[in-house]
């Protein structure tokens, strides 16, 4: 018998825990009356807390927080391992419509994703040390949100759902035993780009030592007679030297860099390893190393395509922002939220903040903050975030660029 996948069970389980944590039924009634006025601000979900804002009669603004204990990285690793081990893992958790079968701890290594009443606490600027109608109302907003889209609950508990989706995409069955590999016309294709470059670096001291030897006396060369040429390619250099293919590519890349400088163009400053790999692969002499780079960076075909898009739209910093998430201070994220609020097509929908990312899931737009102080726009037309043109120091301008991109796609 096939079990029907639904999402409503997340809201049921969360409501049960929230009611137990709030305690007084009176608070639940007051919170619902508060929400009925339609004055609640947007629901923001972050690691460990959800928040919103409500106007007060005296003109001030109440800023409640629903606090939730995050799970540890070790607990999340166990949960993800248990989910990925299921044969129907992609159907259960591969989209934002995460099956409520996963509310059962038996499917998540005995660790509940839905917080218990003991994991929940309340605070608000109107009542700092106790539950109030404002903080209880945040819980109701959260419940309605996860009823159809449970992914924000993963962020609340300490690890974005995107992390699990990436693991599901990259997890593959154990390799089957096979016979001896067939001879390859390009033995260097299986080597990683990192290994080839490291080998070249190891050869530099020997080259420098040879350069210090005395220059021999010139010899007479007879250039009038034909000389035999090689009838076969040279053998591969011994380990740990780079392969012949890698040496040709590195020589071509050095020539490209020199030509860029001679043409008066500035070479990108602060190039990160990931950004340089994206730059290298975008050139003709780097195309043969695409598979090696994918293995080195742990990317699939879609991820590698998005990395090169990120480099095209944002240069080396754009590539680094695509691959890496890092912490940003709360004020930067809050300022970005305030800047994009007037532009949002669904202004009361949830905004999710995690690491350096501000996500408006209702609009299908995400902004990622880079170390250069610019916001890099992303959109997810097919369920996977991909970079689009238009990075800008102003979050609102980057948001507009993402909306223009969405309009071209739709």
Protein backbone atom coordinates (compact mmCIF):
# COMPACT_ATOMS: atom_id res chain seq x y z
CA UNK A 1 0.00 0.00 0.00
CA UNK A 2 1.42 3.39 -1.01
CA UNK A 3 1.39 6.02 1.71
CA UNK A 4 0.16 9.42 0.54
CA UNK A 5 2.72 12.19 1.03
CA UNK A 6 1.22 15.27 2.72
CA UNK A 7 2.63 18.28 4.59
CA UNK A 8 -0.20 19.17 6.97
CA UNK A 9 1.20 16.95 9.73
CA UNK A 10 4.02 19.44 10.32
CA UNK A 11 1.49 22.10 11.37
CA UNK A 12 -0.39 19.61 13.56
CA UNK A 13 2.73 18.54 15.44
CA UNK A 14 4.02 22.10 15.80
CA UNK A 15 0.63 23.38 17.04
CA UNK A 16 0.60 20.72 19.74
CA UNK A 17 4.05 21.78 20.98
CA UNK A 18 3.25 25.51 20.82
CA UNK A 19 0.01 25.11 22.77
CA UNK A 20 1.82 23.19 25.49
CA UNK A 21 4.61 25.79 25.64
CA UNK A 22 2.22 28.78 25.80
CA UNK A 23 0.19 27.21 28.58
CA UNK A 24 -2.78 29.58 28.84
CA UNK A 25 -5.65 29.18 26.39
CA UNK A 26 -6.39 32.89 26.94
CA UNK A 27 -3.15 33.79 25.15
CA UNK A 28 -4.14 31.70 22.15
CA UNK A 29 -7.48 33.51 21.87
CA UNK A 30 -5.88 36.95 22.21
CA UNK A 31 -3.25 36.05 19.62
CA UNK A 32 -5.88 35.00 17.09
CA UNK A 33 -7.83 38.23 17.65
CA UNK A 34 -4.58 40.15 17.14
CA UNK A 35 -3.93 38.41 13.82
CA UNK A 36 -7.53 39.02 12.71
CA UNK A 37 -6.81 42.77 12.65
CA UNK A 38 -4.31 42.21 9.83
CA UNK A 39 -1.64 44.40 11.44
CA UNK A 40 1.06 41.74 11.81
CA UNK A 41 4.33 42.44 10.04
CA UNK A 42 6.11 39.87 7.84
CA UNK A 43 7.26 36.66 9.51
CA UNK A 44 11.06 36.33 9.55
CA UNK A 45 12.56 32.91 10.26
CA UNK A 46 16.18 32.56 11.35
CA UNK A 47 18.26 29.91 13.04
CA UNK A 48 16.88 29.56 16.56
CA UNK A 49 14.06 32.11 16.38
CA UNK A 50 11.11 33.46 14.40
CA UNK A 51 10.05 37.08 14.70
CA UNK A 52 7.55 39.65 13.48
CA UNK A 53 6.25 43.03 14.67
CA UNK A 54 2.92 44.45 15.82
CA UNK A 55 1.81 48.07 16.41
CA UNK A 56 0.92 49.02 19.98
CA UNK A 57 -1.87 51.46 20.99
CA UNK A 58 0.65 54.03 22.24
CA UNK A 59 2.39 54.20 18.84
CA UNK A 60 5.31 51.98 19.75
CA UNK A 61 6.03 48.66 18.00
CA UNK A 62 6.12 45.28 19.72
CA UNK A 63 8.88 42.99 18.44
CA UNK A 64 8.16 39.46 19.65
CA UNK A 65 10.40 36.43 19.20
CA UNK A 66 9.54 32.76 19.32
CA UNK A 67 12.76 31.07 20.49
CA UNK A 68 13.49 27.47 19.51
CA UNK A 69 16.49 25.36 20.54
CA UNK A 70 18.48 24.46 17.39
CA UNK A 71 19.70 20.93 16.80
CA UNK A 72 23.47 20.37 16.85
CA UNK A 73 25.46 19.75 13.63
CA UNK A 74 25.99 16.15 14.78
CA UNK A 75 22.25 15.63 15.21
CA UNK A 76 21.58 17.09 11.78
CA UNK A 77 24.20 14.81 10.24
CA UNK A 78 22.44 11.79 11.76
CA UNK A 79 19.03 13.03 10.56
CA UNK A 80 20.25 13.58 7.01
CA UNK A 81 22.00 10.22 6.91
CA UNK A 82 18.80 8.47 7.99
CA UNK A 83 16.71 10.33 5.39
CA UNK A 84 19.17 9.75 2.54
CA UNK A 85 19.28 6.04 3.35
CA UNK A 86 15.59 5.67 2.48
CA UNK A 87 14.89 4.45 -1.08
CA UNK A 88 12.22 7.14 -1.52
CA UNK A 89 14.30 9.93 0.05
CA UNK A 90 14.03 12.27 -2.96
CA UNK A 91 10.23 11.96 -2.98
CA UNK A 92 10.03 12.55 0.78
CA UNK A 93 12.39 15.50 1.13
CA UNK A 94 13.70 16.55 -2.29
CA UNK A 95 11.31 19.50 -2.72
CA UNK A 96 9.91 22.22 -0.48
CA UNK A 97 6.80 20.03 -0.03
CA UNK A 98 8.56 17.87 2.56
CA UNK A 99 6.48 14.86 3.52
CA UNK A 100 5.08 14.92 7.04
CA UNK A 101 6.19 11.29 7.38
CA UNK A 102 9.41 12.90 8.63
CA UNK A 103 7.62 14.26 11.69
CA UNK A 104 8.00 10.71 13.04
CA UNK A 105 11.42 10.49 14.78
CA UNK A 106 11.60 6.85 13.70
CA UNK A 107 12.44 8.16 10.21
CA UNK A 108 14.99 10.74 11.43
CA UNK A 109 17.41 8.68 13.55
CA UNK A 110 15.23 9.09 16.65
CA UNK A 111 15.73 12.88 16.65
CA UNK A 112 12.54 14.97 16.26
CA UNK A 113 12.74 17.82 13.76
CA UNK A 114 9.58 19.40 15.21
CA UNK A 115 10.56 21.09 18.49
CA UNK A 116 9.00 19.91 21.73
CA UNK A 117 7.40 22.26 24.25
CA UNK A 118 10.67 22.16 26.22
CA UNK A 119 12.53 23.51 23.16
CA UNK A 120 10.23 26.56 22.86
CA UNK A 121 10.27 29.85 24.76
CA UNK A 122 8.88 33.35 24.20
CA UNK A 123 10.09 36.90 24.50
CA UNK A 124 8.79 40.29 23.41
CA UNK A 125 9.64 43.94 23.90
CA UNK A 126 6.31 44.28 25.70
CA UNK A 127 6.92 41.28 28.05
CA UNK A 128 10.56 40.20 27.92
CA UNK A 129 10.42 37.18 30.22
CA UNK A 130 7.10 35.49 29.42
CA UNK A 131 4.71 34.53 26.67
CA UNK A 132 2.40 37.28 25.40
CA UNK A 133 -0.22 37.48 22.64
CA UNK A 134 2.40 38.88 20.25
CA UNK A 135 4.88 36.00 20.65
CA UNK A 136 2.07 33.41 20.59
CA UNK A 137 0.82 35.02 17.37
CA UNK A 138 4.28 34.48 15.86
CA UNK A 139 3.84 30.78 16.60
CA UNK A 140 0.47 30.74 14.83
CA UNK A 141 1.98 32.48 11.79
CA UNK A 142 4.78 29.91 11.77
CA UNK A 143 2.28 27.05 11.96
CA UNK A 144 0.36 28.33 8.95
CA UNK A 145 3.60 28.73 7.07
CA UNK A 146 4.83 25.16 7.60
CA UNK A 147 1.42 23.67 6.82
CA UNK A 148 2.24 23.76 3.10
CA UNK A 149 5.97 24.62 3.07
CA UNK A 150 7.84 22.97 5.98
CA UNK A 151 11.32 24.03 4.79
CA UNK A 152 11.53 27.10 7.12
CA UNK A 153 11.21 24.75 10.08
CA UNK A 154 14.56 23.23 9.09
CA UNK A 155 16.15 26.70 9.18
CA UNK A 156 14.55 27.37 12.56
CA UNK A 157 16.05 24.16 13.93
CA UNK A 158 19.54 25.01 12.76
CA UNK A 159 20.16 23.76 9.22
CA UNK A 160 18.49 25.01 6.00
CA UNK A 161 16.56 22.48 3.94
CA UNK A 162 18.80 23.41 1.01
CA UNK A 163 21.61 21.51 2.73
CA UNK A 164 19.58 18.28 2.68
CA UNK A 165 18.52 18.84 -0.94
CA UNK A 166 22.16 19.24 -1.97
CA UNK A 167 23.09 16.06 -0.12
CA UNK A 168 20.26 14.18 -1.85
CA UNK A 169 21.53 15.39 -5.25
CA UNK A 170 25.13 14.40 -4.56
CA UNK A 171 24.47 11.09 -2.79
CA UNK A 172 24.90 8.19 -5.19
CA UNK A 173 24.88 4.39 -4.79
CA UNK A 174 28.14 2.68 -3.87
CA UNK A 175 30.22 1.95 -6.98
CA UNK A 176 29.87 -1.57 -8.38
CA UNK A 177 33.01 -3.70 -8.94
CA UNK A 178 34.23 -3.45 -12.48
CA UNK A 179 36.95 -4.94 -14.62
CA UNK A 180 40.27 -3.28 -15.32
CA UNK A 181 39.90 0.17 -16.85
CA UNK A 182 40.20 0.48 -20.58
CA UNK A 183 43.21 2.38 -21.93
CA UNK A 184 42.48 6.05 -22.20
CA UNK A 185 43.65 8.41 -24.88
CA UNK A 186 43.82 11.16 -22.24
CA UNK A 187 45.13 9.65 -18.97
CA UNK A 188 45.29 13.10 -17.39
CA UNK A 189 41.50 13.56 -17.54
CA UNK A 190 41.07 11.56 -14.34
CA UNK A 191 43.50 13.71 -12.40
CA UNK A 192 42.20 16.64 -10.43
CA UNK A 193 43.18 20.13 -11.44
CA UNK A 194 44.44 20.67 -7.91
CA UNK A 195 46.89 17.75 -8.25
CA UNK A 196 48.25 18.98 -11.56
CA UNK A 197 48.84 22.49 -10.27
CA UNK A 198 50.48 21.13 -7.10
CA UNK A 199 52.80 19.00 -9.22
CA UNK A 200 53.81 22.02 -11.25
CA UNK A 201 54.58 23.94 -8.07
CA UNK A 202 56.82 21.08 -6.91
CA UNK A 203 58.79 21.31 -10.15
CA UNK A 204 59.54 25.03 -9.79
CA UNK A 205 62.54 24.70 -7.39
CA UNK A 206 64.28 22.32 -9.78
CA UNK A 207 63.70 24.71 -12.67
CA UNK A 208 65.10 27.58 -10.60
CA UNK A 209 68.22 25.56 -9.77
CA UNK A 210 68.86 24.82 -13.45
CA UNK A 211 68.48 28.53 -14.24
CA UNK A 212 71.44 29.31 -11.95
CA UNK A 213 73.90 27.08 -13.87
CA UNK A 214 76.51 28.83 -16.09
CA UNK A 215 75.34 29.46 -19.63
CA UNK A 216 77.34 27.17 -22.00
CA UNK A 217 79.30 28.55 -24.93
CA UNK A 218 77.28 28.82 -28.13
CA UNK A 219 77.61 25.98 -30.62
CA UNK A 220 77.45 26.11 -34.38
CA UNK A 221 74.14 24.87 -35.75
CA UNK A 222 73.69 23.84 -39.35
CA UNK A 223 70.21 25.06 -40.20
CA UNK A 224 70.45 24.27 -43.92
CA UNK A 225 69.83 20.55 -43.68
CA UNK A 226 66.63 18.79 -42.73
CA UNK A 227 66.46 17.30 -39.28
CA UNK A 228 64.28 14.35 -38.25
CA UNK A 229 61.19 15.11 -36.18
CA UNK A 230 59.52 13.02 -33.50
CA UNK A 231 57.30 10.30 -34.94
CA UNK A 232 55.48 9.68 -31.62
CA UNK A 233 54.41 11.81 -28.63
CA UNK A 234 56.76 12.14 -25.70
CA UNK A 235 56.04 9.89 -22.70
CA UNK A 236 54.10 11.35 -19.78
CA UNK A 237 56.28 13.14 -17.20
CA UNK A 238 56.92 11.07 -14.07
CA UNK A 239 55.00 11.74 -10.86
CA UNK A 240 54.63 14.17 -9.20
CA UNK A 241 55.03 16.36 -12.29
CA UNK A 242 51.85 17.56 -14.02
CA UNK A 243 50.62 15.65 -17.04
CA UNK A 244 51.47 16.80 -20.55
CA UNK A 245 47.87 17.92 -21.02
CA UNK A 246 48.03 19.99 -17.82
CA UNK A 247 51.36 21.55 -18.82
CA UNK A 248 49.92 22.61 -22.18
CA UNK A 249 46.86 24.10 -20.42
CA UNK A 250 48.96 25.94 -17.82
CA UNK A 251 51.23 27.36 -20.54
CA UNK A 252 48.17 28.55 -22.48
CA UNK A 253 46.75 30.08 -19.30
CA UNK A 254 50.01 31.91 -18.56
CA UNK A 255 49.94 33.29 -22.11
CA UNK A 256 46.34 34.41 -21.61
CA UNK A 257 47.25 36.22 -18.36
CA UNK A 258 50.23 37.90 -20.04
CA UNK A 259 48.07 38.99 -22.99
CA UNK A 260 45.49 40.42 -20.60
CA UNK A 261 48.15 42.49 -18.83
CA UNK A 262 49.76 43.66 -22.11
CA UNK A 263 46.36 44.79 -23.37
CA UNK A 264 46.14 47.12 -20.35
CA UNK A 265 43.37 45.20 -18.63
CA UNK A 266 43.52 44.67 -14.88
CA UNK A 267 43.51 41.06 -13.82
CA UNK A 268 40.86 40.31 -11.14
CA UNK A 269 42.20 41.12 -7.68
CA UNK A 270 41.68 38.86 -4.68
CA UNK A 271 41.05 35.80 -6.83
CA UNK A 272 39.95 32.86 -4.66
CA UNK A 273 40.75 29.25 -5.66
CA UNK A 274 37.11 28.62 -6.59
CA UNK A 275 36.94 31.88 -8.54
CA UNK A 276 40.15 31.06 -10.39
CA UNK A 277 38.86 27.59 -11.29
CA UNK A 278 35.69 29.18 -12.70
CA UNK A 279 37.82 31.65 -14.69
CA UNK A 280 40.08 28.85 -15.97
CA UNK A 281 37.13 26.70 -17.08
CA UNK A 282 35.57 29.61 -18.97
CA UNK A 283 38.58 29.68 -21.36
CA UNK A 284 39.17 27.25 -24.26
CA UNK A 285 42.28 25.70 -22.72
CA UNK A 286 40.42 24.95 -19.46
CA UNK A 287 37.40 23.19 -20.97
CA UNK A 288 39.07 19.75 -20.88
CA UNK A 289 39.38 19.99 -17.07
CA UNK A 290 35.67 20.47 -16.41
CA UNK A 291 35.16 16.95 -15.02
CA UNK A 292 38.30 17.18 -12.86
CA UNK A 293 37.07 20.51 -11.45
CA UNK A 294 33.64 19.05 -10.70
CA UNK A 295 35.25 16.26 -8.67
CA UNK A 296 37.59 18.69 -6.92
CA UNK A 297 34.72 21.04 -5.91
CA UNK A 298 32.12 18.33 -5.26
CA UNK A 299 29.66 19.69 -7.84
CA UNK A 300 27.30 17.92 -10.21
CA UNK A 301 26.67 19.04 -13.80
CA UNK A 302 23.99 21.54 -12.77
CA UNK A 303 26.13 22.94 -9.96
CA UNK A 304 29.12 23.39 -12.28
CA UNK A 305 26.95 25.22 -14.80
CA UNK A 306 25.70 27.53 -12.06
CA UNK A 307 29.27 28.18 -10.86
CA UNK A 308 30.26 29.35 -14.32
CA UNK A 309 27.12 31.51 -14.49
CA UNK A 310 28.06 33.02 -11.13
CA UNK A 311 31.52 33.88 -12.48
CA UNK A 312 30.04 35.34 -15.68
CA UNK A 313 27.63 37.59 -13.74
CA UNK A 314 29.85 38.49 -10.78
CA UNK A 315 33.47 37.59 -11.46
CA UNK A 316 35.58 35.80 -8.83
CA UNK A 317 33.52 37.12 -5.91
CA UNK A 318 30.35 35.92 -7.60
CA UNK A 319 31.84 32.42 -7.85
CA UNK A 320 32.87 32.48 -4.18
CA UNK A 321 29.39 33.63 -3.11
CA UNK A 322 27.83 30.76 -5.07
CA UNK A 323 30.00 28.12 -3.40
CA UNK A 324 30.34 29.43 0.14
CA UNK A 325 27.91 30.63 2.80
CA UNK A 326 29.29 32.81 5.60
CA UNK A 327 28.00 34.78 8.55
CA UNK A 328 26.78 38.37 8.18
CA UNK A 329 25.82 40.67 11.04
CA UNK A 330 22.10 40.98 11.78
CA UNK A 331 21.98 44.71 10.95
CA UNK A 332 23.11 44.05 7.37
CA UNK A 333 20.36 41.47 6.86
CA UNK A 334 17.75 43.67 8.57
CA UNK A 335 18.67 46.65 6.38
CA UNK A 336 18.36 44.48 3.26
CA UNK A 337 14.90 43.28 4.36
CA UNK A 338 13.74 46.86 4.91
CA UNK A 339 15.11 47.91 1.49
CA UNK A 340 13.33 45.20 -0.48
CA UNK A 341 10.03 45.28 1.46
CA UNK A 342 8.32 47.89 -0.80
CA UNK A 343 9.28 45.82 -3.88
CA UNK A 344 7.93 42.46 -2.77
CA UNK A 345 4.86 41.18 -4.68
CA UNK A 346 3.64 39.40 -1.50
CA UNK A 347 4.70 41.80 1.30
CA UNK A 348 3.27 39.68 4.14
CA UNK A 349 4.92 36.43 3.03
CA UNK A 350 7.82 35.04 5.01
CA UNK A 351 11.40 36.21 4.52
CA UNK A 352 14.02 33.65 5.55
CA UNK A 353 17.48 34.85 6.66
CA UNK A 354 20.33 32.36 6.94
CA UNK A 355 24.07 33.05 6.85
CA UNK A 356 24.59 35.72 4.16
CA UNK A 357 21.30 35.02 2.37
CA UNK A 358 17.93 36.77 2.36
CA UNK A 359 15.25 34.61 0.72
CA UNK A 360 11.81 35.72 -0.45
CA UNK A 361 10.42 32.29 -1.29
CA UNK A 362 7.00 33.59 -2.34
CA UNK A 363 8.68 35.69 -5.06
CA UNK A 364 11.27 33.02 -5.89
CA UNK A 365 14.11 35.45 -5.19
CA UNK A 366 17.22 35.15 -3.04
CA UNK A 367 19.95 37.72 -2.38
CA UNK A 368 23.43 36.65 -1.25
CA UNK A 369 25.79 39.14 0.36
CA UNK A 370 29.38 39.03 -0.89
CA UNK A 371 32.67 40.01 0.77
CA UNK A 372 32.87 42.93 -1.68
CA UNK A 373 29.78 44.52 -0.08
CA UNK A 374 27.46 43.69 -2.98
CA UNK A 375 24.23 41.68 -3.04
CA UNK A 376 24.14 38.93 -5.65
CA UNK A 377 20.65 38.06 -7.00
CA UNK A 378 19.42 34.49 -7.43
CA UNK A 379 16.17 32.94 -8.59
CA UNK A 380 14.85 29.37 -8.63
CA UNK A 381 12.65 28.79 -11.70
CA UNK A 382 13.12 25.01 -11.44
CA UNK A 383 13.47 24.63 -7.67
CA UNK A 384 17.26 25.17 -7.51
CA UNK A 385 18.74 28.60 -6.82
CA UNK A 386 20.81 29.87 -9.72
CA UNK A 387 22.66 33.18 -10.18
CA UNK A 388 21.22 35.90 -12.42
CA UNK A 389 22.77 39.16 -13.66
CA UNK A 390 22.72 42.33 -11.61
CA UNK A 391 24.84 42.29 -8.41
CA UNK A 392 24.62 45.65 -6.63
CA UNK A 393 25.64 47.32 -3.38
CA UNK A 394 21.97 48.27 -2.87
CA UNK A 395 19.85 45.25 -1.94
CA UNK A 396 16.79 46.86 -3.56
CA UNK A 397 18.62 47.21 -6.88
CA UNK A 398 19.72 43.56 -6.77
CA UNK A 399 16.12 42.55 -5.95
CA UNK A 400 14.88 44.50 -8.98
CA UNK A 401 17.43 42.69 -11.15
CA UNK A 402 16.13 39.34 -9.90
CA UNK A 403 12.53 40.35 -10.64
CA UNK A 404 13.48 41.45 -14.16
CA UNK A 405 15.14 38.07 -14.68
CA UNK A 406 12.01 36.26 -13.45
CA UNK A 407 9.85 38.22 -15.88
CA UNK A 408 12.07 37.19 -18.81
CA UNK A 409 11.85 33.53 -17.80
CA UNK A 410 8.07 33.44 -17.21
